[in-house]
Protein backbone atom coordinates (compact mmCIF):
# COMPACT_ATOMS: atom_id res chain seq x y z
CA MET A 1 0.00 0.00 0.00
CA THR A 2 1.11 3.53 -0.76
CA ILE A 3 -0.43 6.87 0.06
CA GLN A 4 -1.29 9.45 -2.57
CA ILE A 5 -1.49 12.95 -1.18
CA PHE A 6 -3.81 15.53 -2.73
CA GLU A 7 -3.39 19.03 -1.33
CA TYR A 8 -5.42 22.00 -2.54
CA PRO A 9 -5.88 25.58 -1.41
CA ALA A 10 -9.29 26.29 0.05
CA VAL A 11 -10.71 29.77 0.57
CA PHE A 12 -12.71 30.37 3.75
CA TYR A 13 -15.27 33.21 3.55
CA TYR A 14 -16.68 34.41 6.88
CA GLU A 15 -20.10 35.99 6.43
CA LYS A 16 -22.51 37.57 8.87
CA HIS A 17 -25.90 35.94 8.94
CA PRO A 18 -28.39 38.39 7.37
CA LEU A 19 -31.20 37.62 9.83
CA ILE A 20 -29.55 36.55 13.09
CA ILE A 21 -27.62 39.18 15.06
CA ASP A 22 -24.06 38.19 16.04
CA SER A 23 -24.26 35.03 13.96
CA PHE A 24 -22.06 34.05 11.05
CA SER A 25 -21.28 31.13 8.77
CA VAL A 26 -18.15 30.05 6.95
CA GLN A 27 -18.24 29.11 3.28
CA VAL A 28 -15.29 27.16 1.87
CA CYS A 29 -14.47 27.03 -1.84
CA PHE A 30 -11.86 25.10 -3.84
CA PRO A 31 -11.04 27.39 -6.82
CA ASP A 32 -9.03 24.71 -8.68
CA PHE A 33 -12.08 22.45 -8.94
CA ARG A 34 -14.47 25.34 -9.64
CA ARG A 35 -12.36 26.09 -12.75
CA GLU A 36 -13.18 22.54 -13.90
CA GLY A 37 -16.93 23.20 -13.60
CA ILE A 38 -17.34 21.21 -10.37
CA ILE A 39 -19.55 22.48 -7.55
CA SER A 40 -16.76 23.03 -5.10
CA SER A 41 -18.07 24.84 -2.06
CA VAL A 42 -19.59 23.94 1.29
CA SER A 43 -20.46 25.90 4.38
CA GLY A 44 -20.55 25.40 8.10
CA ARG A 45 -21.80 27.08 11.28
CA ASN A 46 -18.22 27.84 12.32
CA ARG A 47 -14.66 27.24 11.15
CA VAL A 48 -14.36 23.75 12.63
CA ASP A 49 -17.61 22.63 11.02
CA ALA A 50 -16.68 24.21 7.68
CA LEU A 51 -13.22 22.60 7.70
CA ALA A 52 -14.70 19.13 8.31
CA CYS A 53 -17.17 19.65 5.45
CA ALA A 54 -14.38 20.91 3.18
CA GLN A 55 -12.23 17.85 3.88
CA GLU A 56 -15.15 15.57 2.96
CA LEU A 57 -15.81 17.60 -0.18
CA LEU A 58 -12.17 17.38 -1.29
CA GLU A 59 -12.22 13.60 -0.85
CA SER A 60 -15.45 13.34 -2.88
CA MET A 61 -14.16 15.55 -5.69
CA VAL A 62 -10.86 13.64 -6.02
CA GLU A 63 -12.67 10.28 -5.97
CA HIS A 64 -15.10 11.57 -8.62
CA PHE A 65 -12.21 12.42 -10.94
CA ILE A 66 -10.54 9.04 -10.31
CA LEU A 67 -13.73 7.03 -10.91
CA ASP A 68 -14.49 8.96 -14.11
CA LYS A 69 -10.85 8.52 -15.21
CA LYS A 70 -10.50 12.28 -15.59
CA THR A 71 -7.33 14.25 -15.03
CA ILE A 72 -7.32 15.68 -11.52
CA PRO A 73 -6.65 19.43 -11.69
CA ASP A 74 -3.29 20.74 -10.56
CA ALA A 75 -3.29 22.67 -7.31
CA SER A 76 -2.67 26.40 -7.57
CA GLU A 77 0.10 28.07 -5.65
CA MET A 78 -1.32 29.82 -2.61
CA GLU A 79 -0.24 33.25 -3.92
CA LYS A 80 -2.13 32.71 -7.20
CA VAL A 81 -5.49 31.64 -5.77
CA ASN A 82 -8.43 33.60 -7.15
CA LEU A 83 -10.51 34.89 -4.23
CA ASP A 84 -13.54 35.75 -6.37
CA ARG A 85 -16.28 33.16 -5.81
CA GLY A 86 -18.18 34.22 -8.90
CA ILE A 87 -21.39 34.40 -6.83
CA ASN A 88 -22.67 36.42 -3.90
CA ILE A 89 -24.14 34.28 -1.15
CA CYS A 90 -25.06 37.26 1.04
CA GLU A 91 -25.71 40.87 0.20
CA ALA A 92 -22.73 41.96 2.28
CA ALA A 93 -19.14 41.11 1.47
CA PRO A 94 -17.40 38.59 3.72
CA PHE A 95 -15.93 40.22 6.82
CA ARG A 96 -12.92 37.87 6.71
CA ILE A 97 -11.22 35.69 4.10
CA GLU A 98 -8.58 33.02 4.79
CA ILE A 99 -6.72 30.60 2.54
CA GLU A 100 -5.49 27.24 3.81
CA ASN A 101 -4.26 24.09 2.11
CA ILE A 102 -6.46 21.07 2.76
CA THR A 103 -5.12 17.56 2.29
CA TYR A 104 -6.71 14.26 1.32
CA GLU A 105 -4.55 11.17 1.79
CA LYS A 106 -5.70 8.26 -0.36
CA LEU A 107 -4.49 4.73 0.29
CA LYS A 108 -3.52 3.07 -2.97
CA ASN A 109 -3.28 -0.69 -3.34
CA LEU A 110 -0.24 -1.76 -5.38
CA ALA A 111 -1.71 -5.16 -6.33
CA GLY A 112 -2.09 -5.46 -10.06
């Protein structure tokens, strides 16, 4: 068995909830998969929740490409990540944006 490591930059958008005072959510987007036409964003109630959802999403997207025998997109360098989501989830702009690499480690069986 070997491990394949897939690491992609994810953009975390912190947004105030439009109806609940002092409440916010965190949307996470993977720009490298969005460029390929894949729905590549999830959200959570807080950063921990959003990170867990993003890790699951990354695993699903990579597995989708593998099962469909498609070329998995190359990861962008952190400095070249496009922060524009292409959509506005809320009327207000995010009050905070972070970028972090998220990793999916896939076990690969060497048996042929």
